[in-house]
Amino acid sequence: MASIDLDKVLDKAWADRSLAEIMEAPAAALKGVSERDGELLEEAFGVKTVADLAELKYVRWAQALGALAAAAK
């Protein structure tokens, strides 16, 4: 089973929330993503929530390419 240290990837206000709440949180709930970044993600890609960002095809494509590149080393 996969695990992640939520304190490392979420702003403090979101670290103690349930996974369901986190997935419906605005993208700015992620550490390092500002409110303005969230607005720009919404303008550019229609991303409103963490779930939207996770499901964004460009993110998934980039992850797949990264995995292929790592495997090719």
N, C-alpha and C. Protein backbone atom coordinates (compact mmCIF):
# COMPACT_ATOMS: atom_id res chain seq x y z
N MET A 1 0.84 -1.18 0.00
CA MET A 1 0.00 0.00 0.00
C MET A 1 0.88 1.24 0.00
N ALA A 2 0.53 2.23 -0.78
CA ALA A 2 1.28 3.48 -0.86
C ALA A 2 1.00 4.34 0.35
N SER A 3 2.01 5.12 0.74
CA SER A 3 1.81 6.06 1.84
C SER A 3 2.52 7.36 1.51
N ILE A 4 2.14 8.42 2.24
CA ILE A 4 2.72 9.73 2.02
C ILE A 4 2.65 10.51 3.32
N ASP A 5 3.65 11.32 3.58
CA ASP A 5 3.65 12.18 4.76
C ASP A 5 2.87 13.43 4.41
N LEU A 6 1.64 13.52 4.88
CA LEU A 6 0.77 14.63 4.52
C LEU A 6 1.32 15.97 4.95
N ASP A 7 2.09 16.01 6.04
CA ASP A 7 2.70 17.27 6.48
C ASP A 7 3.68 17.83 5.46
N LYS A 8 4.24 16.96 4.64
CA LYS A 8 5.21 17.39 3.63
C LYS A 8 4.57 17.88 2.35
N VAL A 9 3.32 17.50 2.10
CA VAL A 9 2.71 17.84 0.81
C VAL A 9 1.50 18.76 0.92
N LEU A 10 1.03 19.01 2.15
CA LEU A 10 -0.16 19.84 2.34
C LEU A 10 0.15 21.03 3.23
N ASP A 11 -0.56 22.13 2.99
CA ASP A 11 -0.51 23.25 3.91
C ASP A 11 -1.05 22.77 5.26
N LYS A 12 -0.59 23.39 6.33
CA LYS A 12 -0.95 22.95 7.68
C LYS A 12 -2.46 22.85 7.89
N ALA A 13 -3.22 23.75 7.30
CA ALA A 13 -4.68 23.75 7.49
C ALA A 13 -5.34 22.48 6.96
N TRP A 14 -4.67 21.76 6.09
CA TRP A 14 -5.27 20.59 5.45
C TRP A 14 -4.67 19.28 5.93
N ALA A 15 -3.58 19.29 6.66
CA ALA A 15 -2.85 18.07 7.02
C ALA A 15 -3.64 17.11 7.90
N ASP A 16 -4.62 17.61 8.65
CA ASP A 16 -5.38 16.73 9.54
C ASP A 16 -6.75 16.37 8.99
N ARG A 17 -7.00 16.68 7.73
CA ARG A 17 -8.30 16.38 7.11
C ARG A 17 -8.33 14.97 6.56
N SER A 18 -9.52 14.48 6.30
CA SER A 18 -9.66 13.15 5.69
C SER A 18 -9.20 13.21 4.23
N LEU A 19 -8.88 12.05 3.70
CA LEU A 19 -8.46 11.98 2.30
C LEU A 19 -9.56 12.49 1.37
N ALA A 20 -10.80 12.18 1.68
CA ALA A 20 -11.92 12.66 0.86
C ALA A 20 -11.97 14.19 0.85
N GLU A 21 -11.75 14.80 2.03
CA GLU A 21 -11.75 16.27 2.10
C GLU A 21 -10.57 16.86 1.33
N ILE A 22 -9.42 16.21 1.45
CA ILE A 22 -8.23 16.70 0.75
C ILE A 22 -8.43 16.65 -0.75
N MET A 23 -9.01 15.59 -1.26
CA MET A 23 -9.22 15.48 -2.70
C MET A 23 -10.17 16.55 -3.23
N GLU A 24 -11.08 17.01 -2.39
CA GLU A 24 -12.02 18.06 -2.80
C GLU A 24 -11.53 19.45 -2.43
N ALA A 25 -10.35 19.53 -1.81
CA ALA A 25 -9.77 20.82 -1.43
C ALA A 25 -9.29 21.56 -2.68
N PRO A 26 -9.18 22.87 -2.58
CA PRO A 26 -8.60 23.62 -3.71
C PRO A 26 -7.15 23.21 -3.92
N ALA A 27 -6.66 23.37 -5.13
CA ALA A 27 -5.28 22.99 -5.45
C ALA A 27 -4.29 23.71 -4.53
N ALA A 28 -4.64 24.88 -4.05
CA ALA A 28 -3.77 25.65 -3.16
C ALA A 28 -3.59 24.97 -1.80
N ALA A 29 -4.31 23.90 -1.53
CA ALA A 29 -4.09 23.14 -0.29
C ALA A 29 -2.76 22.40 -0.34
N LEU A 30 -2.21 22.22 -1.54
CA LEU A 30 -0.91 21.58 -1.68
C LEU A 30 0.19 22.56 -1.32
N LYS A 31 1.16 22.08 -0.55
CA LYS A 31 2.28 22.91 -0.14
C LYS A 31 3.01 23.41 -1.38
N GLY A 32 3.24 24.71 -1.44
CA GLY A 32 3.94 25.30 -2.57
C GLY A 32 3.05 25.81 -3.68
N VAL A 33 1.75 25.53 -3.60
CA VAL A 33 0.80 26.03 -4.59
C VAL A 33 0.06 27.20 -3.95
N SER A 34 0.29 28.40 -4.47
CA SER A 34 -0.34 29.59 -3.90
C SER A 34 -1.78 29.72 -4.38
N GLU A 35 -2.49 30.62 -3.76
CA GLU A 35 -3.86 30.91 -4.21
C GLU A 35 -3.83 31.35 -5.68
N ARG A 36 -2.85 32.18 -6.03
CA ARG A 36 -2.74 32.65 -7.42
C ARG A 36 -2.43 31.49 -8.36
N ASP A 37 -1.54 30.59 -7.93
CA ASP A 37 -1.26 29.40 -8.74
C ASP A 37 -2.54 28.61 -8.98
N GLY A 38 -3.36 28.48 -7.93
CA GLY A 38 -4.63 27.78 -8.05
C GLY A 38 -5.55 28.44 -9.06
N GLU A 39 -5.58 29.77 -9.02
CA GLU A 39 -6.40 30.51 -9.99
C GLU A 39 -5.90 30.27 -11.41
N LEU A 40 -4.59 30.28 -11.58
CA LEU A 40 -4.02 30.05 -12.91
C LEU A 40 -4.27 28.63 -13.41
N LEU A 41 -4.19 27.66 -12.51
CA LEU A 41 -4.52 26.27 -12.89
C LEU A 41 -5.96 26.17 -13.35
N GLU A 42 -6.85 26.88 -12.65
CA GLU A 42 -8.25 26.85 -13.05
C GLU A 42 -8.45 27.53 -14.41
N GLU A 43 -7.81 28.67 -14.60
CA GLU A 43 -7.94 29.38 -15.88
C GLU A 43 -7.39 28.56 -17.04
N ALA A 44 -6.23 27.95 -16.84
CA ALA A 44 -5.56 27.24 -17.92
C ALA A 44 -6.15 25.86 -18.20
N PHE A 45 -6.50 25.13 -17.13
CA PHE A 45 -6.87 23.73 -17.30
C PHE A 45 -8.21 23.34 -16.68
N GLY A 46 -8.89 24.29 -16.04
CA GLY A 46 -10.15 23.97 -15.39
C GLY A 46 -9.98 23.22 -14.08
N VAL A 47 -8.76 23.25 -13.53
CA VAL A 47 -8.46 22.54 -12.28
C VAL A 47 -8.95 23.39 -11.11
N LYS A 48 -9.86 22.82 -10.32
CA LYS A 48 -10.37 23.50 -9.13
C LYS A 48 -9.93 22.79 -7.85
N THR A 49 -9.78 21.49 -7.90
CA THR A 49 -9.51 20.71 -6.69
C THR A 49 -8.23 19.88 -6.85
N VAL A 50 -7.78 19.32 -5.74
CA VAL A 50 -6.65 18.40 -5.77
C VAL A 50 -6.99 17.21 -6.67
N ALA A 51 -8.21 16.73 -6.60
CA ALA A 51 -8.63 15.61 -7.46
C ALA A 51 -8.55 15.99 -8.93
N ASP A 52 -8.98 17.19 -9.26
CA ASP A 52 -8.89 17.65 -10.66
C ASP A 52 -7.44 17.63 -11.14
N LEU A 53 -6.54 18.10 -10.28
CA LEU A 53 -5.12 18.13 -10.65
C LEU A 53 -4.59 16.72 -10.83
N ALA A 54 -4.95 15.82 -9.93
CA ALA A 54 -4.50 14.43 -10.01
C ALA A 54 -4.99 13.74 -11.28
N GLU A 55 -6.16 14.12 -11.74
CA GLU A 55 -6.75 13.49 -12.92
C GLU A 55 -6.40 14.20 -14.22
N LEU A 56 -5.70 15.32 -14.13
CA LEU A 56 -5.36 16.08 -15.33
C LEU A 56 -4.47 15.24 -16.25
N LYS A 57 -4.89 15.08 -17.48
CA LYS A 57 -4.17 14.19 -18.39
C LYS A 57 -2.72 14.61 -18.59
N TYR A 58 -2.43 15.89 -18.55
CA TYR A 58 -1.06 16.35 -18.75
C TYR A 58 -0.17 15.93 -17.58
N VAL A 59 -0.72 15.93 -16.39
CA VAL A 59 0.02 15.47 -15.21
C VAL A 59 0.29 13.98 -15.34
N ARG A 60 -0.72 13.23 -15.73
CA ARG A 60 -0.54 11.77 -15.87
C ARG A 60 0.45 11.44 -16.98
N TRP A 61 0.40 12.19 -18.09
CA TRP A 61 1.36 11.96 -19.17
C TRP A 61 2.78 12.23 -18.69
N ALA A 62 2.97 13.35 -17.97
CA ALA A 62 4.30 13.69 -17.47
C ALA A 62 4.80 12.64 -16.48
N GLN A 63 3.93 12.12 -15.63
CA GLN A 63 4.33 11.07 -14.69
C GLN A 63 4.74 9.81 -15.43
N ALA A 64 3.99 9.44 -16.46
CA ALA A 64 4.31 8.25 -17.24
C ALA A 64 5.66 8.42 -17.94
N LEU A 65 5.89 9.58 -18.51
CA LEU A 65 7.18 9.84 -19.18
C LEU A 65 8.33 9.79 -18.18
N GLY A 66 8.11 10.34 -16.99
CA GLY A 66 9.13 10.29 -15.94
C GLY A 66 9.45 8.87 -15.52
N ALA A 67 8.42 8.04 -15.39
CA ALA A 67 8.63 6.64 -15.03
C ALA A 67 9.39 5.90 -16.13
N LEU A 68 9.05 6.17 -17.38
CA LEU A 68 9.76 5.55 -18.50
C LEU A 68 11.23 5.97 -18.53
N ALA A 69 11.47 7.24 -18.29
CA ALA A 69 12.85 7.74 -18.29
C ALA A 69 13.66 7.13 -17.15
N ALA A 70 13.04 7.00 -15.97
CA ALA A 70 13.73 6.38 -14.83
C ALA A 70 14.04 4.92 -15.10
N ALA A 71 13.10 4.22 -15.75
CA ALA A 71 13.30 2.81 -16.06
C ALA A 71 14.38 2.60 -17.12
N ALA A 72 14.57 3.60 -17.97
CA ALA A 72 15.54 3.48 -19.05
C ALA A 72 16.97 3.71 -18.59
N LYS A 73 17.15 4.21 -17.36
CA LYS A 73 18.50 4.48 -16.85
C LYS A 73 19.22 3.22 -16.49
